[in-house]
Amino acid sequence: MLSPRQSLGRKPEMRRMLLRNLATSLLLYEKIRTTKVRAKALQPLIDRMIAKAKRQPAHIAVRSLNRIVTDKNAARKIFDVLIARYKSRPSGMTRIRPLGIRKGDGAQLVEISLVDSPVAPEHSRTKKKS
């Protein structure tokens, strides 16, 4: 089911649950902030999930996706939104961007996001003229 190359400093059951939660959050919010090691372990999992949903019939793919994602809305989003968005893209559905270093322990922080996701409008903090 899930087999990352890194152990992420956890026992296998805890590592599987960590990756399941990260995958669910990435599918729901389309970008998350995490460490570089976790993002590199998550990236092939997300790419395989979307590719499998595109390749297989929906009634078969939904069973394998529900084994991984912890929220039904995340699996539904794959079928409703992401398959149409990535139908011409064979792979590379995620992007990892470096953000810097965390102060507390010096871990490298990155933002992993889905490619071609709609950009949320930035809220400008300008003062109103009186």
Protein backbone atom coordinates (compact mmCIF):
# COMPACT_ATOMS: atom_id res chain seq x y z
CA MET A 1 0.00 0.00 0.00
CA LEU A 2 2.36 2.75 1.20
CA SER A 3 6.07 2.15 1.03
CA PRO A 4 8.23 5.27 1.36
CA ARG A 5 11.98 5.01 1.11
CA GLN A 6 12.58 6.98 4.30
CA SER A 7 11.46 5.80 7.69
CA LEU A 8 10.65 9.39 8.77
CA GLY A 9 11.76 8.44 12.28
CA ARG A 10 8.58 6.46 12.96
CA LYS A 11 7.36 2.93 13.22
CA PRO A 12 5.71 1.58 10.05
CA GLU A 13 2.14 2.03 11.28
CA MET A 14 2.75 5.61 12.38
CA ARG A 15 4.58 6.40 9.12
CA ARG A 16 1.64 5.07 7.08
CA MET A 17 -0.82 7.16 9.07
CA LEU A 18 1.37 10.28 8.74
CA LEU A 19 1.50 9.86 4.95
CA ARG A 20 -2.24 9.19 4.79
CA ASN A 21 -2.98 12.39 6.70
CA LEU A 22 -0.53 14.43 4.60
CA ALA A 23 -2.06 13.06 1.38
CA THR A 24 -5.58 13.84 2.55
CA SER A 25 -4.63 17.39 3.52
CA LEU A 26 -2.85 17.99 0.21
CA LEU A 27 -5.84 16.77 -1.78
CA LEU A 28 -8.30 18.87 0.20
CA TYR A 29 -6.32 22.13 0.45
CA GLU A 30 -4.12 21.73 -2.68
CA LYS A 31 -1.02 22.96 -0.85
CA ILE A 32 0.52 22.25 2.52
CA ARG A 33 3.63 23.34 4.38
CA THR A 34 5.80 20.54 5.73
CA THR A 35 9.41 19.39 5.95
CA LYS A 36 11.42 18.44 2.88
CA VAL A 37 11.78 14.79 3.88
CA ARG A 38 8.03 14.36 4.39
CA ALA A 39 7.24 16.13 1.11
CA LYS A 40 9.65 13.91 -0.83
CA ALA A 41 7.99 10.82 0.66
CA LEU A 42 4.51 12.19 -0.13
CA GLN A 43 5.11 13.26 -3.74
CA PRO A 44 5.20 9.80 -5.41
CA LEU A 45 2.18 8.69 -3.39
CA ILE A 46 0.03 11.57 -4.67
CA ASP A 47 1.21 11.10 -8.26
CA ARG A 48 0.38 7.38 -8.14
CA MET A 49 -3.05 8.02 -6.63
CA ILE A 50 -4.08 10.50 -9.34
CA ALA A 51 -2.60 8.34 -12.13
CA LYS A 52 -4.46 5.28 -10.84
CA ALA A 53 -7.73 7.22 -10.68
CA LYS A 54 -7.23 8.35 -14.30
CA ARG A 55 -6.29 4.90 -15.57
CA GLN A 56 -8.79 2.63 -13.82
CA PRO A 57 -12.60 2.65 -13.86
CA ALA A 58 -14.09 4.73 -11.05
CA HIS A 59 -15.68 1.85 -9.15
CA ILE A 60 -12.31 0.08 -8.90
CA ALA A 61 -10.14 3.13 -8.25
CA VAL A 62 -12.35 4.45 -5.45
CA ARG A 63 -11.68 1.32 -3.38
CA SER A 64 -7.92 1.71 -3.57
CA LEU A 65 -8.13 5.46 -2.90
CA ASN A 66 -10.32 4.98 0.16
CA ARG A 67 -7.62 2.75 1.64
CA ILE A 68 -5.22 5.71 1.57
CA VAL A 69 -7.21 8.92 2.11
CA THR A 70 -8.89 9.47 5.46
CA ASP A 71 -11.67 11.78 4.21
CA LYS A 72 -14.31 10.86 1.64
CA ASN A 73 -14.28 14.41 0.24
CA ALA A 74 -10.62 14.01 -0.75
CA ALA A 75 -11.40 10.91 -2.83
CA ARG A 76 -14.40 12.66 -4.34
CA LYS A 77 -12.24 15.66 -5.26
CA ILE A 78 -9.88 13.42 -7.22
CA PHE A 79 -12.73 12.18 -9.40
CA ASP A 80 -14.61 15.48 -9.72
CA VAL A 81 -11.78 17.98 -10.09
CA LEU A 82 -8.30 16.52 -10.44
CA ILE A 83 -8.88 13.95 -13.18
CA ALA A 84 -10.18 16.66 -15.50
CA ARG A 85 -7.34 19.00 -14.54
CA TYR A 86 -4.59 16.43 -15.20
CA LYS A 87 -6.05 14.40 -18.08
CA SER A 88 -3.26 15.43 -20.49
CA ARG A 89 -0.46 15.24 -17.88
CA PRO A 90 1.06 11.75 -17.47
CA SER A 91 2.98 12.55 -14.27
CA GLY A 92 4.37 15.39 -12.20
CA MET A 93 1.16 16.52 -10.53
CA THR A 94 2.93 18.04 -7.52
CA ARG A 95 5.53 20.74 -7.01
CA ILE A 96 7.88 21.23 -4.05
CA ARG A 97 9.04 24.78 -3.31
CA PRO A 98 11.57 25.56 -0.56
CA LEU A 99 10.47 28.01 2.13
CA GLY A 100 13.49 28.22 4.42
CA ILE A 101 14.65 26.70 7.66
CA ARG A 102 12.59 26.21 10.81
CA LYS A 103 14.03 28.05 13.79
CA GLY A 104 13.40 25.43 16.45
CA ASP A 105 15.20 22.41 15.01
CA GLY A 106 16.73 23.59 11.73
CA ALA A 107 14.50 21.43 9.53
CA GLN A 108 14.13 22.49 5.90
CA LEU A 109 10.56 23.65 5.29
CA VAL A 110 8.90 23.33 1.90
CA GLU A 111 5.51 23.90 0.38
CA ILE A 112 4.16 20.98 -1.61
CA SER A 113 1.30 21.91 -3.90
CA LEU A 114 -0.69 20.52 -6.77
CA VAL A 115 0.41 21.88 -10.15
CA ASP A 116 -2.04 24.08 -12.07
CA SER A 117 -4.15 24.73 -8.98
CA PRO A 118 -6.30 27.86 -9.07
CA VAL A 119 -4.54 30.78 -7.45
CA ALA A 120 -6.32 32.27 -4.46
CA PRO A 121 -6.49 36.08 -4.57
CA GLU A 122 -4.04 37.81 -2.27
CA HIS A 123 -5.54 40.17 0.27
CA SER A 124 -3.80 43.49 0.11
CA ARG A 125 -3.25 45.37 3.34
CA THR A 126 -3.54 48.90 2.10
CA LYS A 127 -4.90 51.69 4.20
CA LYS A 128 -8.20 53.20 3.23
CA LYS A 129 -8.11 56.85 2.30
CA SER A 130 -10.22 59.00 4.57
